[in-house]
C-alpha cells in the first residue's frame, strides 16, 4: 500500500495506480521485501534478490555499482517500490531530500512524472 493519504496522492485512483505499478514491477509481491517493495533493489542477472534499509538517500548514491540486468551488459540502478533510478530519488524539483517510502510515493504521483 502506498504510504500516502488519498489527499496527498490526489485521489483513490492514484493510490490504486501506485499499487498496480508496484505489483507490475514485482516489488510489493517479492518474498525479499519487508516494506511492501519500498526496500527493494533491482534484481540483476544473477537473480539474487536484494533489499536496503537506509532511506536517507538512494541506495546506489553511496557508491554501489549499477547491476548488470541482461546478457548484453545493460545495467540498472533502480530501487524502491516504483523502481526509480538514482537520479530520480531524492528529487530536488519536489524538495524531497530523502528516499523514504513517503518521498518515493510523492515523487511517483508528482506532475513532472505524469507526461
N, C-alpha and C. Protein backbone atom coordinates (compact mmCIF):
# COMPACT_ATOMS: atom_id res chain seq x y z
N UNK A 1 0.83 -1.18 0.00
CA UNK A 1 0.00 0.00 0.00
C UNK A 1 0.88 1.25 0.00
N UNK A 2 0.55 2.18 -0.84
CA UNK A 2 1.31 3.44 -0.91
C UNK A 2 1.28 4.14 0.44
N UNK A 3 2.37 4.77 0.79
CA UNK A 3 2.49 5.46 2.09
C UNK A 3 2.00 6.90 1.98
N UNK A 4 0.86 7.11 1.38
CA UNK A 4 0.26 8.43 1.22
C UNK A 4 -1.22 8.37 1.56
N UNK A 5 -1.75 9.50 1.98
CA UNK A 5 -3.20 9.60 2.14
C UNK A 5 -3.82 9.83 0.76
N UNK A 6 -5.12 9.69 0.68
CA UNK A 6 -5.82 9.96 -0.58
C UNK A 6 -5.60 11.40 -1.01
N UNK A 7 -5.61 12.32 -0.05
CA UNK A 7 -5.39 13.74 -0.34
C UNK A 7 -3.99 13.97 -0.90
N UNK A 8 -2.97 13.37 -0.29
CA UNK A 8 -1.59 13.53 -0.77
C UNK A 8 -1.41 12.95 -2.16
N UNK A 9 -2.05 11.83 -2.43
CA UNK A 9 -1.93 11.17 -3.74
C UNK A 9 -2.74 11.88 -4.81
N UNK A 10 -3.79 12.55 -4.41
CA UNK A 10 -4.64 13.24 -5.36
C UNK A 10 -5.98 12.58 -5.56
N UNK A 11 -6.04 11.26 -5.35
CA UNK A 11 -7.31 10.54 -5.48
C UNK A 11 -7.11 9.07 -5.09
N UNK A 12 -8.23 8.38 -4.90
CA UNK A 12 -8.15 6.94 -4.65
C UNK A 12 -7.62 6.23 -5.89
N UNK A 13 -7.93 6.76 -7.06
CA UNK A 13 -7.42 6.15 -8.30
C UNK A 13 -5.90 6.23 -8.37
N UNK A 14 -5.33 7.36 -7.91
CA UNK A 14 -3.88 7.50 -7.90
C UNK A 14 -3.25 6.47 -6.96
N UNK A 15 -3.87 6.24 -5.81
CA UNK A 15 -3.37 5.22 -4.89
C UNK A 15 -3.45 3.83 -5.51
N UNK A 16 -4.55 3.56 -6.18
CA UNK A 16 -4.72 2.27 -6.85
C UNK A 16 -3.67 2.09 -7.95
N UNK A 17 -3.39 3.18 -8.68
CA UNK A 17 -2.38 3.13 -9.73
C UNK A 17 -1.00 2.80 -9.13
N UNK A 18 -0.66 3.43 -8.01
CA UNK A 18 0.63 3.15 -7.38
C UNK A 18 0.72 1.69 -6.94
N UNK A 19 -0.36 1.14 -6.40
CA UNK A 19 -0.37 -0.27 -6.02
C UNK A 19 -0.22 -1.18 -7.24
N UNK A 20 -0.88 -0.82 -8.34
CA UNK A 20 -0.76 -1.60 -9.57
C UNK A 20 0.67 -1.54 -10.11
N UNK A 21 1.26 -0.35 -10.06
CA UNK A 21 2.63 -0.19 -10.54
C UNK A 21 3.61 -1.04 -9.73
N UNK A 22 3.46 -1.03 -8.41
CA UNK A 22 4.33 -1.84 -7.55
C UNK A 22 4.13 -3.33 -7.83
N UNK A 23 2.89 -3.74 -8.05
CA UNK A 23 2.63 -5.14 -8.38
C UNK A 23 3.29 -5.50 -9.70
N UNK A 24 3.13 -4.62 -10.71
CA UNK A 24 3.70 -4.87 -12.03
C UNK A 24 5.23 -4.95 -11.96
N UNK A 25 5.84 -4.07 -11.18
CA UNK A 25 7.30 -4.10 -11.03
C UNK A 25 7.76 -5.33 -10.24
N UNK A 26 6.85 -5.96 -9.52
CA UNK A 26 7.20 -7.14 -8.74
C UNK A 26 7.81 -6.81 -7.39
N UNK A 27 7.80 -5.55 -7.02
CA UNK A 27 8.45 -5.15 -5.78
C UNK A 27 7.58 -5.43 -4.56
N UNK A 28 6.29 -5.14 -4.66
CA UNK A 28 5.42 -5.31 -3.49
C UNK A 28 5.11 -6.77 -3.20
N UNK A 29 5.29 -7.64 -4.18
CA UNK A 29 4.99 -9.06 -4.01
C UNK A 29 6.24 -9.93 -3.84
N UNK A 30 7.41 -9.32 -3.87
CA UNK A 30 8.65 -10.09 -3.73
C UNK A 30 8.77 -10.67 -2.32
N UNK A 31 9.18 -11.92 -2.20
CA UNK A 31 9.40 -12.50 -0.88
C UNK A 31 10.54 -11.79 -0.12
N UNK A 32 11.39 -11.06 -0.84
CA UNK A 32 12.53 -10.40 -0.20
C UNK A 32 12.14 -9.14 0.57
N UNK A 33 11.04 -8.50 0.19
CA UNK A 33 10.69 -7.22 0.79
C UNK A 33 10.07 -7.37 2.17
N UNK A 34 10.44 -6.44 3.04
CA UNK A 34 9.82 -6.35 4.36
C UNK A 34 8.95 -5.10 4.45
N UNK A 35 9.02 -4.24 3.41
CA UNK A 35 8.33 -2.95 3.44
C UNK A 35 7.50 -2.71 2.18
N UNK A 36 6.79 -3.70 1.73
CA UNK A 36 5.88 -3.55 0.59
C UNK A 36 6.58 -3.06 -0.67
N UNK A 37 7.86 -3.40 -0.82
CA UNK A 37 8.61 -3.05 -2.02
C UNK A 37 9.44 -1.80 -1.91
N UNK A 38 9.23 -0.98 -0.89
CA UNK A 38 9.99 0.26 -0.75
C UNK A 38 11.48 -0.01 -0.51
N UNK A 39 11.81 -1.18 -0.03
CA UNK A 39 13.19 -1.54 0.28
C UNK A 39 13.84 -2.42 -0.78
N UNK A 40 13.22 -2.55 -1.94
CA UNK A 40 13.65 -3.49 -2.98
C UNK A 40 14.67 -2.86 -3.93
N UNK A 41 15.72 -3.60 -4.25
CA UNK A 41 16.72 -3.18 -5.23
C UNK A 41 16.56 -4.06 -6.46
N UNK A 42 16.71 -3.45 -7.63
CA UNK A 42 16.56 -4.18 -8.89
C UNK A 42 17.34 -5.49 -8.84
N UNK A 43 16.73 -6.54 -9.37
CA UNK A 43 17.38 -7.84 -9.41
C UNK A 43 18.29 -7.89 -10.64
N UNK A 44 19.53 -8.27 -10.42
CA UNK A 44 20.48 -8.36 -11.52
C UNK A 44 20.37 -9.67 -12.26
N UNK A 45 21.29 -9.87 -13.18
CA UNK A 45 21.30 -11.08 -14.00
C UNK A 45 21.51 -12.33 -13.13
N UNK A 46 22.09 -12.12 -11.93
CA UNK A 46 22.30 -13.25 -11.01
C UNK A 46 21.00 -13.71 -10.34
N UNK A 47 19.91 -12.92 -10.52
CA UNK A 47 18.57 -13.23 -9.99
C UNK A 47 18.53 -13.28 -8.47
N UNK A 48 19.54 -12.70 -7.80
CA UNK A 48 19.61 -12.70 -6.35
C UNK A 48 18.87 -11.47 -5.81
N UNK A 49 17.77 -11.65 -5.07
CA UNK A 49 17.03 -10.51 -4.55
C UNK A 49 17.84 -9.76 -3.49
N UNK A 50 17.66 -8.45 -3.45
CA UNK A 50 18.41 -7.63 -2.50
C UNK A 50 17.51 -6.49 -2.02
N UNK A 51 17.66 -6.13 -0.75
CA UNK A 51 16.89 -5.03 -0.16
C UNK A 51 17.85 -4.06 0.54
N UNK A 52 17.34 -2.88 0.88
CA UNK A 52 18.12 -1.90 1.61
C UNK A 52 17.33 -1.40 2.80
N UNK A 53 18.02 -0.79 3.77
CA UNK A 53 17.36 -0.32 4.99
C UNK A 53 17.62 1.16 5.27
N UNK A 54 18.56 1.76 4.59
CA UNK A 54 18.89 3.17 4.81
C UNK A 54 18.16 4.02 3.77
N UNK A 55 17.15 4.77 4.22
CA UNK A 55 16.34 5.56 3.31
C UNK A 55 16.77 7.03 3.25
N UNK A 56 17.96 7.33 3.78
CA UNK A 56 18.42 8.72 3.76
C UNK A 56 18.78 9.19 2.36
N UNK A 57 19.07 8.26 1.47
CA UNK A 57 19.42 8.57 0.09
C UNK A 57 19.12 7.34 -0.76
N UNK A 58 19.19 7.49 -2.07
CA UNK A 58 19.02 6.35 -2.97
C UNK A 58 20.13 5.34 -2.67
N UNK A 59 19.83 4.04 -2.64
CA UNK A 59 20.85 3.05 -2.27
C UNK A 59 22.07 3.02 -3.19
N UNK A 60 21.95 3.46 -4.42
CA UNK A 60 23.10 3.46 -5.32
C UNK A 60 23.88 4.77 -5.25
N UNK A 61 23.43 5.73 -4.46
CA UNK A 61 24.10 7.03 -4.36
C UNK A 61 25.38 6.97 -3.54
N UNK A 62 25.57 5.92 -2.79
CA UNK A 62 26.72 5.82 -1.89
C UNK A 62 27.83 4.94 -2.46
N UNK A 63 27.89 4.83 -3.77
CA UNK A 63 28.99 4.11 -4.40
C UNK A 63 28.67 2.70 -4.85
N UNK A 64 27.49 2.21 -4.56
CA UNK A 64 27.10 0.88 -5.03
C UNK A 64 27.03 0.92 -6.56
N UNK A 65 27.63 -0.05 -7.19
CA UNK A 65 27.63 -0.09 -8.65
C UNK A 65 26.28 -0.55 -9.19
N UNK A 66 25.90 -0.02 -10.35
CA UNK A 66 24.67 -0.46 -11.01
C UNK A 66 24.77 -1.95 -11.30
N UNK A 67 23.62 -2.62 -11.31
CA UNK A 67 23.60 -4.06 -11.54
C UNK A 67 23.45 -4.38 -13.02
N UNK A 68 24.17 -5.38 -13.46
CA UNK A 68 24.00 -5.90 -14.82
C UNK A 68 22.70 -6.69 -14.82
N UNK A 69 21.79 -6.34 -15.75
CA UNK A 69 20.47 -6.97 -15.74
C UNK A 69 20.17 -7.85 -16.95
N UNK A 70 21.10 -7.91 -17.91
CA UNK A 70 20.89 -8.85 -19.03
C UNK A 70 22.24 -9.30 -19.59
N UNK A 71 22.20 -10.25 -20.50
CA UNK A 71 23.42 -10.83 -21.04
C UNK A 71 24.19 -9.89 -21.96
N UNK A 72 23.59 -8.78 -22.35
CA UNK A 72 24.27 -7.80 -23.22
C UNK A 72 24.99 -6.72 -22.43
N UNK A 73 24.92 -6.79 -21.09
CA UNK A 73 25.63 -5.84 -20.26
C UNK A 73 24.83 -4.62 -19.84
N UNK A 74 23.54 -4.59 -20.16
CA UNK A 74 22.69 -3.47 -19.73
C UNK A 74 22.69 -3.40 -18.21
N UNK A 75 22.81 -2.18 -17.67
CA UNK A 75 22.83 -2.02 -16.22
C UNK A 75 21.66 -1.18 -15.74
N UNK A 76 21.33 -1.32 -14.47
CA UNK A 76 20.26 -0.55 -13.86
C UNK A 76 20.62 -0.26 -12.41
N UNK A 77 20.18 0.90 -11.93
CA UNK A 77 20.32 1.22 -10.52
C UNK A 77 18.95 1.53 -9.91
N UNK A 78 17.92 0.96 -10.48
CA UNK A 78 16.55 1.17 -9.99
C UNK A 78 16.38 0.54 -8.61
N UNK A 79 15.59 1.21 -7.80
CA UNK A 79 15.29 0.65 -6.48
C UNK A 79 14.00 1.24 -5.95
N UNK A 80 13.49 0.62 -4.92
CA UNK A 80 12.27 1.08 -4.29
C UNK A 80 11.03 0.46 -4.90
N UNK A 81 9.91 0.83 -4.35
CA UNK A 81 8.62 0.26 -4.76
C UNK A 81 8.31 0.50 -6.22
N UNK A 82 8.69 1.66 -6.74
CA UNK A 82 8.38 2.02 -8.13
C UNK A 82 9.60 1.97 -9.03
N UNK A 83 10.70 1.40 -8.53
CA UNK A 83 11.93 1.20 -9.29
C UNK A 83 12.44 2.49 -9.94
N UNK A 84 12.63 3.49 -9.12
CA UNK A 84 13.17 4.76 -9.59
C UNK A 84 14.69 4.70 -9.63
N UNK A 85 15.27 5.35 -10.63
CA UNK A 85 16.71 5.38 -10.77
C UNK A 85 17.38 6.35 -9.81
N UNK A 86 18.69 6.26 -9.71
CA UNK A 86 19.46 7.07 -8.76
C UNK A 86 19.27 8.56 -8.96
N UNK A 87 19.06 9.02 -10.17
CA UNK A 87 18.91 10.45 -10.41
C UNK A 87 17.48 10.95 -10.15
N UNK A 88 16.55 10.04 -9.87
CA UNK A 88 15.15 10.42 -9.65
C UNK A 88 14.75 10.55 -8.18
N UNK A 89 15.49 9.93 -7.27
CA UNK A 89 15.19 9.98 -5.84
C UNK A 89 16.51 10.14 -5.12
N UNK A 90 16.65 11.08 -4.18
CA UNK A 90 15.71 12.14 -3.84
C UNK A 90 15.47 13.07 -5.02
N UNK A 91 14.40 13.85 -4.94
CA UNK A 91 14.01 14.69 -6.06
C UNK A 91 14.09 16.17 -5.69
N UNK A 92 15.13 16.86 -6.17
CA UNK A 92 15.27 18.27 -5.82
C UNK A 92 14.16 19.15 -6.38
N UNK A 93 13.57 18.77 -7.51
CA UNK A 93 12.46 19.56 -8.08
C UNK A 93 11.27 19.57 -7.14
N UNK A 94 11.11 18.52 -6.37
CA UNK A 94 9.99 18.42 -5.45
C UNK A 94 10.41 18.71 -4.00
N UNK A 95 11.66 19.13 -3.80
CA UNK A 95 12.21 19.41 -2.47
C UNK A 95 12.18 18.17 -1.58
N UNK A 96 12.34 16.99 -2.18
CA UNK A 96 12.42 15.75 -1.41
C UNK A 96 13.89 15.42 -1.21
N UNK A 97 14.32 15.42 0.03
CA UNK A 97 15.74 15.26 0.32
C UNK A 97 16.13 13.85 0.75
N UNK A 98 15.18 12.94 0.76
CA UNK A 98 15.48 11.58 1.16
C UNK A 98 14.76 10.60 0.24
N UNK A 99 15.02 9.33 0.45
CA UNK A 99 14.41 8.29 -0.39
C UNK A 99 13.44 7.44 0.44
N UNK A 100 12.74 8.08 1.36
CA UNK A 100 11.80 7.36 2.22
C UNK A 100 10.60 6.87 1.41
N UNK A 101 9.85 5.91 1.96
CA UNK A 101 8.64 5.47 1.26
C UNK A 101 7.70 6.63 0.92
N UNK A 102 7.49 7.55 1.84
CA UNK A 102 6.61 8.68 1.58
C UNK A 102 7.15 9.53 0.44
N UNK A 103 8.45 9.84 0.47
CA UNK A 103 9.06 10.67 -0.58
C UNK A 103 8.98 9.97 -1.93
N UNK A 104 9.23 8.67 -1.95
CA UNK A 104 9.16 7.93 -3.22
C UNK A 104 7.74 7.96 -3.79
N UNK A 105 6.75 7.77 -2.94
CA UNK A 105 5.36 7.80 -3.40
C UNK A 105 4.96 9.19 -3.87
N UNK A 106 5.39 10.23 -3.16
CA UNK A 106 5.10 11.60 -3.59
C UNK A 106 5.72 11.87 -4.95
N UNK A 107 6.95 11.44 -5.15
CA UNK A 107 7.61 11.64 -6.43
C UNK A 107 6.89 10.90 -7.55
N UNK A 108 6.37 9.71 -7.25
CA UNK A 108 5.67 8.92 -8.26
C UNK A 108 4.33 9.54 -8.66
N UNK A 109 3.75 10.37 -7.81
CA UNK A 109 2.47 10.98 -8.12
C UNK A 109 2.60 12.44 -8.57
N UNK A 110 3.81 12.95 -8.61
CA UNK A 110 4.03 14.37 -8.94
C UNK A 110 3.79 14.64 -10.41
N UNK A 111 3.38 15.84 -10.72
CA UNK A 111 3.09 16.23 -12.10
C UNK A 111 4.26 16.07 -13.06
N UNK A 112 5.51 16.32 -12.66
CA UNK A 112 6.60 16.11 -13.63
C UNK A 112 6.67 14.69 -14.18
N UNK A 113 6.13 13.73 -13.48
CA UNK A 113 6.17 12.34 -13.92
C UNK A 113 4.91 11.92 -14.66
N UNK A 114 3.96 12.82 -14.84
CA UNK A 114 2.70 12.48 -15.49
C UNK A 114 2.64 12.89 -16.95
N UNK A 115 3.75 12.95 -17.62
CA UNK A 115 3.71 13.38 -19.02
C UNK A 115 3.49 12.23 -19.96
